[in-house]
PDB file of N, CA and C in Angstrom:
ATOM      1  N   UNK A   1    -197.368  -2.221-179.421  1.00  0.00           N
ATOM      2  CA  UNK A   1    -198.082  -2.172-178.162  1.00  0.00           C
ATOM      3  C   UNK A   1    -198.031  -0.748-177.612  1.00  0.00           C
ATOM      4  N   UNK A   2    -199.163  -0.154-177.438  1.00  0.00           N
ATOM      5  CA  UNK A   2    -199.247   1.171-176.842  1.00  0.00           C
ATOM      6  C   UNK A   2    -199.326   1.040-175.327  1.00  0.00           C
ATOM      7  N   UNK A   3    -198.427   1.747-174.658  1.00  0.00           N
ATOM      8  CA  UNK A   3    -198.433   1.702-173.193  1.00  0.00           C
ATOM      9  C   UNK A   3    -199.134   2.940-172.664  1.00  0.00           C
ATOM     10  N   UNK A   4    -199.875   2.746-171.647  1.00  0.00           N
ATOM     11  CA  UNK A   4    -200.559   3.837-170.969  1.00  0.00           C
ATOM     12  C   UNK A   4    -199.710   4.289-169.785  1.00  0.00           C
ATOM     13  N   UNK A   5    -200.005   5.482-169.283  1.00  0.00           N
ATOM     14  CA  UNK A   5    -199.263   6.033-168.142  1.00  0.00           C
ATOM     15  C   UNK A   5    -199.283   5.060-166.967  1.00  0.00           C
ATOM     16  N   UNK A   6    -200.439   4.495-166.692  1.00  0.00           N
ATOM     17  CA  UNK A   6    -200.560   3.600-165.543  1.00  0.00           C
ATOM     18  C   UNK A   6    -199.815   2.280-165.754  1.00  0.00           C
ATOM     19  N   UNK A   7    -199.431   1.969-166.993  1.00  0.00           N
ATOM     20  CA  UNK A   7    -198.644   0.765-167.261  1.00  0.00           C
ATOM     21  C   UNK A   7    -197.173   0.945-166.901  1.00  0.00           C
ATOM     22  N   UNK A   8    -196.738   2.174-166.740  1.00  0.00           N
ATOM     23  CA  UNK A   8    -195.341   2.447-166.411  1.00  0.00           C
ATOM     24  C   UNK A   8    -195.100   2.259-164.922  1.00  0.00           C
ATOM     25  N   UNK A   9    -193.902   1.843-164.594  1.00  0.00           N
ATOM     26  CA  UNK A   9    -193.543   1.714-163.179  1.00  0.00           C
ATOM     27  C   UNK A   9    -193.371   3.117-162.592  1.00  0.00           C
ATOM     28  N   UNK A  10    -193.416   3.258-161.286  1.00  0.00           N
ATOM     29  CA  UNK A  10    -193.197   4.574-160.682  1.00  0.00           C
ATOM     30  C   UNK A  10    -191.855   5.194-161.108  1.00  0.00           C
ATOM     31  N   UNK A  11    -190.831   4.368-161.223  1.00  0.00           N
ATOM     32  CA  UNK A  11    -189.524   4.885-161.657  1.00  0.00           C
ATOM     33  C   UNK A  11    -189.590   5.410-163.092  1.00  0.00           C
ATOM     34  N   UNK A  12    -190.263   4.700-163.978  1.00  0.00           N
ATOM     35  CA  UNK A  12    -190.415   5.152-165.353  1.00  0.00           C
ATOM     36  C   UNK A  12    -191.238   6.437-165.423  1.00  0.00           C
ATOM     37  N   UNK A  13    -192.279   6.525-164.613  1.00  0.00           N
ATOM     38  CA  UNK A  13    -193.087   7.741-164.578  1.00  0.00           C
ATOM     39  C   UNK A  13    -192.245   8.937-164.139  1.00  0.00           C
ATOM     40  N   UNK A  14    -191.431   8.760-163.096  1.00  0.00           N
ATOM     41  CA  UNK A  14    -190.549   9.834-162.626  1.00  0.00           C
ATOM     42  C   UNK A  14    -189.573  10.249-163.716  1.00  0.00           C
ATOM     43  N   UNK A  15    -189.005   9.261-164.417  1.00  0.00           N
ATOM     44  CA  UNK A  15    -188.049   9.552-165.484  1.00  0.00           C
ATOM     45  C   UNK A  15    -188.700  10.378-166.588  1.00  0.00           C
ATOM     46  N   UNK A  16    -189.891  10.000-166.986  1.00  0.00           N
ATOM     47  CA  UNK A  16    -190.616  10.751-168.016  1.00  0.00           C
ATOM     48  C   UNK A  16    -190.866  12.182-167.548  1.00  0.00           C
ATOM     49  N   UNK A  17    -191.267  12.356-166.306  1.00  0.00           N
ATOM     50  CA  UNK A  17    -191.536  13.693-165.775  1.00  0.00           C
ATOM     51  C   UNK A  17    -190.268  14.540-165.696  1.00  0.00           C
ATOM     52  N   UNK A  18    -189.164  13.940-165.281  1.00  0.00           N
ATOM     53  CA  UNK A  18    -187.906  14.691-165.177  1.00  0.00           C
ATOM     54  C   UNK A  18    -187.407  15.094-166.560  1.00  0.00           C
ATOM     55  N   UNK A  19    -187.391  14.154-167.494  1.00  0.00           N
ATOM     56  CA  UNK A  19    -186.913  14.454-168.851  1.00  0.00           C
ATOM     57  C   UNK A  19    -187.814  15.496-169.510  1.00  0.00           C
ATOM     58  N   UNK A  20    -189.113  15.375-169.324  1.00  0.00           N
ATOM     59  CA  UNK A  20    -190.041  16.370-169.879  1.00  0.00           C
ATOM     60  C   UNK A  20    -189.843  17.742-169.259  1.00  0.00           C
ATOM     61  N   UNK A  21    -189.594  17.784-167.969  1.00  0.00           N
ATOM     62  CA  UNK A  21    -189.357  19.066-167.293  1.00  0.00           C
ATOM     63  C   UNK A  21    -188.070  19.733-167.783  1.00  0.00           C
ATOM     64  N   UNK A  22    -187.034  18.936-167.971  1.00  0.00           N
ATOM     65  CA  UNK A  22    -185.775  19.486-168.480  1.00  0.00           C
ATOM     66  C   UNK A  22    -185.980  20.033-169.891  1.00  0.00           C
ATOM     67  N   UNK A  23    -186.699  19.304-170.733  1.00  0.00           N
ATOM     68  CA  UNK A  23    -186.973  19.766-172.096  1.00  0.00           C
ATOM     69  C   UNK A  23    -187.740  21.087-172.081  1.00  0.00           C
ATOM     70  N   UNK A  24    -188.772  21.174-171.261  1.00  0.00           N
ATOM     71  CA  UNK A  24    -189.556  22.416-171.190  1.00  0.00           C
ATOM     72  C   UNK A  24    -188.721  23.577-170.653  1.00  0.00           C
ATOM     73  N   UNK A  25    -187.904  23.314-169.657  1.00  0.00           N
ATOM     74  CA  UNK A  25    -187.052  24.373-169.110  1.00  0.00           C
ATOM     75  C   UNK A  25    -186.041  24.849-170.148  1.00  0.00           C
ATOM     76  N   UNK A  26    -185.472  23.929-170.898  1.00  0.00           N
ATOM     77  CA  UNK A  26    -184.518  24.293-171.943  1.00  0.00           C
ATOM     78  C   UNK A  26    -185.185  25.136-173.020  1.00  0.00           C
ATOM     79  N   UNK A  27    -186.373  24.740-173.449  1.00  0.00           N
ATOM     80  CA  UNK A  27    -187.101  25.498-174.464  1.00  0.00           C
ATOM     81  C   UNK A  27    -187.506  26.877-173.934  1.00  0.00           C
ATOM     82  N   UNK A  28    -187.995  26.944-172.706  1.00  0.00           N
ATOM     83  CA  UNK A  28    -188.391  28.230-172.128  1.00  0.00           C
ATOM     84  C   UNK A  28    -187.194  29.171-172.007  1.00  0.00           C
ATOM     85  N   UNK A  29    -186.046  28.621-171.617  1.00  0.00           N
ATOM     86  CA  UNK A  29    -184.832  29.437-171.520  1.00  0.00           C
ATOM     87  C   UNK A  29    -184.412  29.947-172.891  1.00  0.00           C
ATOM     88  N   UNK A  30    -184.486  29.091-173.891  1.00  0.00           N
ATOM     89  CA  UNK A  30    -184.106  29.503-175.256  1.00  0.00           C
ATOM     90  C   UNK A  30    -185.068  30.571-175.781  1.00  0.00           C
ATOM     91  N   UNK A  31    -186.380  30.388-175.581  1.00  0.00           N
ATOM     92  CA  UNK A  31    -187.344  31.392-176.046  1.00  0.00           C
ATOM     93  C   UNK A  31    -187.151  32.719-175.317  1.00  0.00           C
ATOM     94  N   UNK A  32    -186.872  32.665-174.031  1.00  0.00           N
ATOM     95  CA  UNK A  32    -186.634  33.897-173.274  1.00  0.00           C
ATOM     96  C   UNK A  32    -185.389  34.599-173.773  1.00  0.00           C
ATOM     97  N   UNK A  33    -184.335  33.843-174.027  1.00  0.00           N
ATOM     98  CA  UNK A  33    -183.106  34.429-174.555  1.00  0.00           C
ATOM     99  C   UNK A  33    -183.347  35.054-175.926  1.00  0.00           C
ATOM    100  N   UNK A  34    -184.090  34.359-176.781  1.00  0.00           N
ATOM    101  CA  UNK A  34    -184.416  34.887-178.106  1.00  0.00           C
ATOM    102  C   UNK A  34    -185.218  36.181-177.995  1.00  0.00           C
ATOM    103  N   UNK A  35    -186.184  36.215-177.101  1.00  0.00           N
ATOM    104  CA  UNK A  35    -187.054  37.387-176.965  1.00  0.00           C
ATOM    105  C   UNK A  35    -186.322  38.602-176.410  1.00  0.00           C
ATOM    106  N   UNK A  36    -185.315  38.388-175.592  1.00  0.00           N
ATOM    107  CA  UNK A  36    -184.629  39.514-174.953  1.00  0.00           C
ATOM    108  C   UNK A  36    -183.325  39.904-175.646  1.00  0.00           C
ATOM    109  N   UNK A  37    -182.872  39.100-176.587  1.00  0.00           N
ATOM    110  CA  UNK A  37    -181.613  39.373-177.282  1.00  0.00           C
ATOM    111  C   UNK A  37    -181.843  40.421-178.379  1.00  0.00           C
ATOM    112  N   UNK A  38    -180.982  41.433-178.495  1.00  0.00           N
ATOM    113  CA  UNK A  38    -181.116  42.418-179.574  1.00  0.00           C
ATOM    114  C   UNK A  38    -181.021  41.754-180.949  1.00  0.00           C
ATOM    115  N   UNK A  39    -181.690  42.346-181.933  1.00  0.00           N
ATOM    116  CA  UNK A  39    -181.758  41.762-183.275  1.00  0.00           C
ATOM    117  C   UNK A  39    -180.379  41.556-183.901  1.00  0.00           C
ATOM    118  N   UNK A  40    -179.428  42.435-183.600  1.00  0.00           N
ATOM    119  CA  UNK A  40    -178.102  42.290-184.213  1.00  0.00           C
ATOM    120  C   UNK A  40    -177.297  41.145-183.589  1.00  0.00           C
ATOM    121  N   UNK A  41    -177.827  40.510-182.563  1.00  0.00           N
ATOM    122  CA  UNK A  41    -177.156  39.370-181.940  1.00  0.00           C
ATOM    123  C   UNK A  41    -177.855  38.045-182.253  1.00  0.00           C
ATOM    124  N   UNK A  42    -178.759  38.064-183.259  1.00  0.00           N
ATOM    125  CA  UNK A  42    -179.480  36.860-183.659  1.00  0.00           C
ATOM    126  C   UNK A  42    -179.037  36.481-185.070  1.00  0.00           C
ATOM    127  N   UNK A  43    -178.605  35.245-185.247  1.00  0.00           N
ATOM    128  CA  UNK A  43    -178.256  34.740-186.578  1.00  0.00           C
ATOM    129  C   UNK A  43    -179.529  34.287-187.277  1.00  0.00           C
ATOM    130  N   UNK A  44    -179.995  35.054-188.244  1.00  0.00           N
ATOM    131  CA  UNK A  44    -181.181  34.675-188.995  1.00  0.00           C
ATOM    132  C   UNK A  44    -182.457  35.299-188.465  1.00  0.00           C
ATOM    133  N   UNK A  45    -183.556  34.692-188.854  1.00  0.00           N
ATOM    134  CA  UNK A  45    -184.892  35.200-188.549  1.00  0.00           C
ATOM    135  C   UNK A  45    -185.347  34.785-187.147  1.00  0.00           C
ATOM    136  N   UNK A  46    -185.865  35.753-186.407  1.00  0.00           N
ATOM    137  CA  UNK A  46    -186.415  35.444-185.083  1.00  0.00           C
ATOM    138  C   UNK A  46    -187.585  34.462-185.195  1.00  0.00           C
ATOM    139  N   UNK A  47    -188.438  34.654-186.186  1.00  0.00           N
ATOM    140  CA  UNK A  47    -189.603  33.773-186.342  1.00  0.00           C
ATOM    141  C   UNK A  47    -189.161  32.336-186.623  1.00  0.00           C
ATOM    142  N   UNK A  48    -188.146  32.167-187.449  1.00  0.00           N
ATOM    143  CA  UNK A  48    -187.637  30.833-187.740  1.00  0.00           C
ATOM    144  C   UNK A  48    -187.051  30.192-186.488  1.00  0.00           C
ATOM    145  N   UNK A  49    -186.281  30.960-185.727  1.00  0.00           N
ATOM    146  CA  UNK A  49    -185.701  30.427-184.497  1.00  0.00           C
ATOM    147  C   UNK A  49    -186.793  30.093-183.482  1.00  0.00           C
ATOM    148  N   UNK A  50    -187.815  30.930-183.382  1.00  0.00           N
ATOM    149  CA  UNK A  50    -188.904  30.652-182.433  1.00  0.00           C
ATOM    150  C   UNK A  50    -189.586  29.332-182.771  1.00  0.00           C
ATOM    151  N   UNK A  51    -189.789  29.070-184.060  1.00  0.00           N
ATOM    152  CA  UNK A  51    -190.398  27.802-184.474  1.00  0.00           C
ATOM    153  C   UNK A  51    -189.442  26.637-184.255  1.00  0.00           C
ATOM    154  N   UNK A  52    -188.177  26.843-184.552  1.00  0.00           N
ATOM    155  CA  UNK A  52    -187.189  25.767-184.415  1.00  0.00           C
ATOM    156  C   UNK A  52    -186.996  25.364-182.955  1.00  0.00           C
ATOM    157  N   UNK A  53    -187.070  26.317-182.047  1.00  0.00           N
ATOM    158  CA  UNK A  53    -186.908  26.013-180.628  1.00  0.00           C
ATOM    159  C   UNK A  53    -187.988  25.037-180.150  1.00  0.00           C
ATOM    160  N   UNK A  54    -189.138  25.026-180.835  1.00  0.00           N
ATOM    161  CA  UNK A  54    -190.226  24.123-180.458  1.00  0.00           C
ATOM    162  C   UNK A  54    -189.912  22.658-180.763  1.00  0.00           C
ATOM    163  N   UNK A  55    -188.871  22.393-181.561  1.00  0.00           N
ATOM    164  CA  UNK A  55    -188.487  21.018-181.875  1.00  0.00           C
ATOM    165  C   UNK A  55    -187.721  20.457-180.677  1.00  0.00           C
ATOM    166  N   UNK A  56    -188.248  19.390-180.099  1.00  0.00           N
ATOM    167  CA  UNK A  56    -187.671  18.837-178.869  1.00  0.00           C
ATOM    168  C   UNK A  56    -186.167  18.657-178.954  1.00  0.00           C
ATOM    169  N   UNK A  57    -185.491  19.086-177.925  1.00  0.00           N
ATOM    170  CA  UNK A  57    -184.059  18.968-177.695  1.00  0.00           C
ATOM    171  C   UNK A  57    -183.230  19.621-178.784  1.00  0.00           C
ATOM    172  N   UNK A  58    -183.472  19.306-180.038  1.00  0.00           N
ATOM    173  CA  UNK A  58    -182.644  19.802-181.131  1.00  0.00           C
ATOM    174  C   UNK A  58    -182.751  21.316-181.256  1.00  0.00           C
ATOM    175  N   UNK A  59    -183.954  21.853-181.224  1.00  0.00           N
ATOM    176  CA  UNK A  59    -184.165  23.283-181.430  1.00  0.00           C
ATOM    177  C   UNK A  59    -183.487  24.155-180.382  1.00  0.00           C
ATOM    178  N   UNK A  60    -183.751  23.930-179.093  1.00  0.00           N
ATOM    179  CA  UNK A  60    -183.092  24.758-178.085  1.00  0.00           C
ATOM    180  C   UNK A  60    -181.574  24.632-178.105  1.00  0.00           C
ATOM    181  N   UNK A  61    -181.081  23.415-178.297  1.00  0.00           N
ATOM    182  CA  UNK A  61    -179.628  23.233-178.341  1.00  0.00           C
ATOM    183  C   UNK A  61    -179.029  23.921-179.560  1.00  0.00           C
ATOM    184  N   UNK A  62    -179.732  23.870-180.699  1.00  0.00           N
ATOM    185  CA  UNK A  62    -179.267  24.570-181.900  1.00  0.00           C
ATOM    186  C   UNK A  62    -179.249  26.079-181.664  1.00  0.00           C
ATOM    187  N   UNK A  63    -180.254  26.594-180.975  1.00  0.00           N
ATOM    188  CA  UNK A  63    -180.291  28.027-180.671  1.00  0.00           C
ATOM    189  C   UNK A  63    -179.050  28.433-179.873  1.00  0.00           C
ATOM    190  N   UNK A  64    -178.747  27.702-178.830  1.00  0.00           N
ATOM    191  CA  UNK A  64    -177.607  28.065-177.991  1.00  0.00           C
ATOM    192  C   UNK A  64    -176.281  27.861-178.709  1.00  0.00           C
ATOM    193  N   UNK A  65    -176.238  26.973-179.694  1.00  0.00           N
ATOM    194  CA  UNK A  65    -174.996  26.741-180.424  1.00  0.00           C
ATOM    195  C   UNK A  65    -174.829  27.670-181.626  1.00  0.00           C
ATOM    196  N   UNK A  66    -175.875  27.814-182.464  1.00  0.00           N
ATOM    197  CA  UNK A  66    -175.737  28.538-183.724  1.00  0.00           C
ATOM    198  C   UNK A  66    -176.616  29.775-183.856  1.00  0.00           C
ATOM    199  N   UNK A  67    -177.589  29.965-183.022  1.00  0.00           N
ATOM    200  CA  UNK A  67    -178.537  31.061-183.204  1.00  0.00           C
ATOM    201  C   UNK A  67    -178.094  32.397-182.658  1.00  0.00           C
ATOM    202  N   UNK A  68    -177.150  32.382-181.743  1.00  0.00           N
ATOM    203  CA  UNK A  68    -176.752  33.621-181.074  1.00  0.00           C
ATOM    204  C   UNK A  68    -175.404  34.112-181.572  1.00  0.00           C
ATOM    205  N   UNK A  69    -175.293  35.407-181.687  1.00  0.00           N
ATOM    206  CA  UNK A  69    -174.012  36.047-181.955  1.00  0.00           C
ATOM    207  C   UNK A  69    -173.539  36.676-180.662  1.00  0.00           C
ATOM    208  N   UNK A  70    -172.243  36.775-180.478  1.00  0.00           N
ATOM    209  CA  UNK A  70    -171.761  37.461-179.268  1.00  0.00           C
ATOM    210  C   UNK A  70    -172.098  38.946-179.325  1.00  0.00           C
ATOM    211  N   UNK A  71    -172.218  39.606-178.181  1.00  0.00           N
ATOM    212  CA  UNK A  71    -172.458  41.059-178.172  1.00  0.00           C
ATOM    213  C   UNK A  71    -171.335  41.767-178.918  1.00  0.00           C
ATOM    214  N   UNK A  72    -171.621  42.945-179.502  1.00  0.00           N
ATOM    215  CA  UNK A  72    -170.613  43.658-180.280  1.00  0.00           C
ATOM    216  C   UNK A  72    -169.300  43.888-179.514  1.00  0.00           C
ATOM    217  N   UNK A  73    -169.374  44.095-178.206  1.00  0.00           N
ATOM    218  CA  UNK A  73    -168.160  44.344-177.438  1.00  0.00           C
ATOM    219  C   UNK A  73    -167.245  43.128-177.391  1.00  0.00           C
ATOM    220  N   UNK A  74    -167.802  41.927-177.595  1.00  0.00           N
ATOM    221  CA  UNK A  74    -167.008  40.694-177.519  1.00  0.00           C
ATOM    222  C   UNK A  74    -166.598  40.152-178.888  1.00  0.00           C
ATOM    223  N   UNK A  75    -167.004  40.819-179.967  1.00  0.00           N
ATOM    224  CA  UNK A  75    -166.669  40.315-181.307  1.00  0.00           C
ATOM    225  C   UNK A  75    -165.280  40.657-181.704  1.00  0.00           C
TER     226      UNK A  75
END
């Protein structure tokens, strides 16, 4: 059964909007961090990470966990 937006209760609609907003904010933050981080602080290819961040929830969280290296002063 395919549900349409209007089939959802107001509470369900709000939940979808909040979860979607959090996902977009997380992805935007990860892409911004990737774009501004120096190349020597990125584990792997920037292009691969940029594509991976587009994968809902998993990509941005993976970026923050495994994609970044600490700055040289903190290594």
